[in-house]
Amino acid sequence: SRGLGDVYKRQEYIVYENAILFESGSNLFCDLVITVFADQNTKIKRVITRDKSTKKEILDRMNNQSNDTKKMLQSNYIISNNNLEKTKLQVHRIHNILTQIS
């Protein structure tokens, strides 16, 4: 059995995806929060492609979530996910920060 000390010594971390992290209070169980955002049109296009939802259904869901600005203000790191190559660079930078041995 490994304790948390073993995890921290090897600089591991757990990624927990939750679209309503702040609304559900789940952020209280996180040591750090990384918010990934995209502009509204990009989000809508992606969800339509993924879920075959209507634009109205997507907007209704989005209206039940905190706005991106509020999420970003409560986050330790922010990733802009409008361009795949730039997103990869941001993820790599944050990964390096989180895994650097002090």
C-alpha atoms as a PDB file:
ATOM      1  CA  SER A   1       0.000   0.000   0.000  1.00  0.00           C
ATOM      2  CA  ARG A   2       1.323   3.415  -0.942  1.00  0.00           C
ATOM      3  CA  GLY A   3       0.718   6.501   1.126  1.00  0.00           C
ATOM      4  CA  LEU A   4       0.345  10.032  -0.164  1.00  0.00           C
ATOM      5  CA  GLY A   5       3.955  10.701   0.772  1.00  0.00           C
ATOM      6  CA  ASP A   6       5.054   8.129  -1.810  1.00  0.00           C
ATOM      7  CA  VAL A   7       3.006   9.867  -4.494  1.00  0.00           C
ATOM      8  CA  TYR A   8       4.487  13.287  -3.694  1.00  0.00           C
ATOM      9  CA  LYS A   9       8.057  11.955  -3.641  1.00  0.00           C
ATOM     10  CA  ARG A  10       7.704  10.803  -7.240  1.00  0.00           C
ATOM     11  CA  GLN A  11       5.882  13.985  -8.269  1.00  0.00           C
ATOM     12  CA  GLU A  12       2.778  12.178  -9.532  1.00  0.00           C
ATOM     13  CA  TYR A  13      -0.577  13.836  -9.868  1.00  0.00           C
ATOM     14  CA  ILE A  14      -4.155  12.899 -10.630  1.00  0.00           C
ATOM     15  CA  VAL A  15      -6.224  14.641 -13.294  1.00  0.00           C
ATOM     16  CA  TYR A  16      -9.896  14.873 -12.397  1.00  0.00           C
ATOM     17  CA  GLU A  17     -12.162  16.178 -15.166  1.00  0.00           C
ATOM     18  CA  ASN A  18     -15.382  17.799 -14.020  1.00  0.00           C
ATOM     19  CA  ALA A  19     -17.327  20.382 -16.050  1.00  0.00           C
ATOM     20  CA  ILE A  20     -19.088  21.581 -12.892  1.00  0.00           C
ATOM     21  CA  LEU A  21     -16.137  21.386 -10.494  1.00  0.00           C
ATOM     22  CA  PHE A  22     -16.871  24.679  -8.743  1.00  0.00           C
ATOM     23  CA  GLU A  23     -20.663  24.399  -8.888  1.00  0.00           C
ATOM     24  CA  SER A  24     -20.545  20.952  -7.226  1.00  0.00           C
ATOM     25  CA  GLY A  25     -17.966  21.976  -4.600  1.00  0.00           C
ATOM     26  CA  SER A  26     -15.567  19.297  -5.844  1.00  0.00           C
ATOM     27  CA  ASN A  27     -12.820  21.902  -6.107  1.00  0.00           C
ATOM     28  CA  LEU A  28     -12.538  21.675  -2.316  1.00  0.00           C
ATOM     29  CA  PHE A  29     -10.989  18.212  -2.758  1.00  0.00           C
ATOM     30  CA  CYS A  30      -8.305  19.458  -5.169  1.00  0.00           C
ATOM     31  CA  ASP A  31      -4.830  20.726  -4.315  1.00  0.00           C
ATOM     32  CA  LEU A  32      -4.595  22.602  -7.622  1.00  0.00           C
ATOM     33  CA  VAL A  33      -7.120  23.464 -10.310  1.00  0.00           C
ATOM     34  CA  ILE A  34      -6.395  23.718 -14.021  1.00  0.00           C
ATOM     35  CA  THR A  35      -9.151  25.298 -16.078  1.00  0.00           C
ATOM     36  CA  VAL A  36      -9.279  24.477 -19.776  1.00  0.00           C
ATOM     37  CA  PHE A  37     -11.377  26.845 -21.834  1.00  0.00           C
ATOM     38  CA  ALA A  38     -12.273  27.551 -25.443  1.00  0.00           C
ATOM     39  CA  ASP A  39     -14.286  30.304 -27.000  1.00  0.00           C
ATOM     40  CA  GLN A  40     -18.039  29.723 -27.047  1.00  0.00           C
ATOM     41  CA  ASN A  41     -18.319  28.975 -30.773  1.00  0.00           C
ATOM     42  CA  THR A  42     -15.540  26.389 -30.554  1.00  0.00           C
ATOM     43  CA  LYS A  43     -17.222  24.728 -27.564  1.00  0.00           C
ATOM     44  CA  ILE A  44     -20.570  24.574 -29.342  1.00  0.00           C
ATOM     45  CA  LYS A  45     -19.079  23.094 -32.521  1.00  0.00           C
ATOM     46  CA  ARG A  46     -17.184  20.453 -30.540  1.00  0.00           C
ATOM     47  CA  VAL A  47     -20.207  19.387 -28.502  1.00  0.00           C
ATOM     48  CA  ILE A  48     -22.439  19.206 -31.587  1.00  0.00           C
ATOM     49  CA  THR A  49     -19.837  16.966 -33.251  1.00  0.00           C
ATOM     50  CA  ARG A  50     -19.338  14.818 -30.148  1.00  0.00           C
ATOM     51  CA  ASP A  51     -22.898  14.481 -28.808  1.00  0.00           C
ATOM     52  CA  LYS A  52     -25.087  15.450 -31.747  1.00  0.00           C
ATOM     53  CA  SER A  53     -26.788  17.909 -29.365  1.00  0.00           C
ATOM     54  CA  THR A  54     -28.645  20.931 -30.627  1.00  0.00           C
ATOM     55  CA  LYS A  55     -27.244  24.407 -30.153  1.00  0.00           C
ATOM     56  CA  LYS A  56     -30.139  25.211 -27.793  1.00  0.00           C
ATOM     57  CA  GLU A  57     -29.405  22.133 -25.630  1.00  0.00           C
ATOM     58  CA  ILE A  58     -25.754  23.105 -25.426  1.00  0.00           C
ATOM     59  CA  LEU A  59     -26.504  26.714 -24.521  1.00  0.00           C
ATOM     60  CA  ASP A  60     -28.947  25.548 -21.823  1.00  0.00           C
ATOM     61  CA  ARG A  61     -26.202  23.359 -20.298  1.00  0.00           C
ATOM     62  CA  MET A  62     -23.637  26.146 -20.560  1.00  0.00           C
ATOM     63  CA  ASN A  63     -26.004  28.557 -18.806  1.00  0.00           C
ATOM     64  CA  ASN A  64     -26.052  26.199 -15.787  1.00  0.00           C
ATOM     65  CA  GLN A  65     -22.265  26.358 -15.475  1.00  0.00           C
ATOM     66  CA  SER A  66     -20.118  29.124 -14.020  1.00  0.00           C
ATOM     67  CA  ASN A  67     -18.712  31.462 -16.622  1.00  0.00           C
ATOM     68  CA  ASP A  68     -15.120  30.954 -17.740  1.00  0.00           C
ATOM     69  CA  THR A  69     -13.877  34.169 -16.121  1.00  0.00           C
ATOM     70  CA  LYS A  70     -15.125  33.085 -12.698  1.00  0.00           C
ATOM     71  CA  LYS A  71     -13.534  29.626 -13.149  1.00  0.00           C
ATOM     72  CA  MET A  72     -10.228  31.148 -14.247  1.00  0.00           C
ATOM     73  CA  LEU A  73     -10.118  33.416 -11.205  1.00  0.00           C
ATOM     74  CA  GLN A  74     -10.404  30.331  -8.973  1.00  0.00           C
ATOM     75  CA  SER A  75      -7.786  28.303 -10.862  1.00  0.00           C
ATOM     76  CA  ASN A  76      -4.061  27.806 -10.388  1.00  0.00           C
ATOM     77  CA  TYR A  77      -3.400  27.240 -14.090  1.00  0.00           C
ATOM     78  CA  ILE A  78      -5.330  28.105 -17.233  1.00  0.00           C
ATOM     79  CA  ILE A  79      -5.164  26.398 -20.625  1.00  0.00           C
ATOM     80  CA  SER A  80      -6.627  27.950 -23.767  1.00  0.00           C
ATOM     81  CA  ASN A  81      -7.944  25.117 -25.938  1.00  0.00           C
ATOM     82  CA  ASN A  82      -8.722  26.828 -29.232  1.00  0.00           C
ATOM     83  CA  ASN A  83      -5.624  25.623 -31.096  1.00  0.00           C
ATOM     84  CA  LEU A  84      -4.349  22.052 -30.649  1.00  0.00           C
ATOM     85  CA  GLU A  85      -0.640  22.837 -31.041  1.00  0.00           C
ATOM     86  CA  LYS A  86      -0.769  25.736 -28.584  1.00  0.00           C
ATOM     87  CA  THR A  87      -2.809  23.616 -26.178  1.00  0.00           C
ATOM     88  CA  LYS A  88      -0.175  20.862 -26.273  1.00  0.00           C
ATOM     89  CA  LEU A  89       2.548  23.400 -25.428  1.00  0.00           C
ATOM     90  CA  GLN A  90       0.542  24.715 -22.463  1.00  0.00           C
ATOM     91  CA  VAL A  91      -0.136  21.202 -21.158  1.00  0.00           C
ATOM     92  CA  HIS A  92       3.543  20.287 -21.472  1.00  0.00           C
ATOM     93  CA  ARG A  93       4.601  23.453 -19.606  1.00  0.00           C
ATOM     94  CA  ILE A  94       2.166  22.796 -16.754  1.00  0.00           C
ATOM     95  CA  HIS A  95       3.161  19.111 -16.604  1.00  0.00           C
ATOM     96  CA  ASN A  96       6.804  20.156 -16.258  1.00  0.00           C
ATOM     97  CA  ILE A  97       5.939  22.545 -13.446  1.00  0.00           C
ATOM     98  CA  LEU A  98       3.891  19.921 -11.595  1.00  0.00           C
ATOM     99  CA  THR A  99       6.532  17.202 -11.918  1.00  0.00           C
ATOM    100  CA  GLN A 100       9.706  19.184 -11.271  1.00  0.00           C
ATOM    101  CA  ILE A 101      11.633  17.858  -8.327  1.00  0.00           C
ATOM    102  CA  SER A 102      12.364  20.496  -5.730  1.00  0.00           C
END
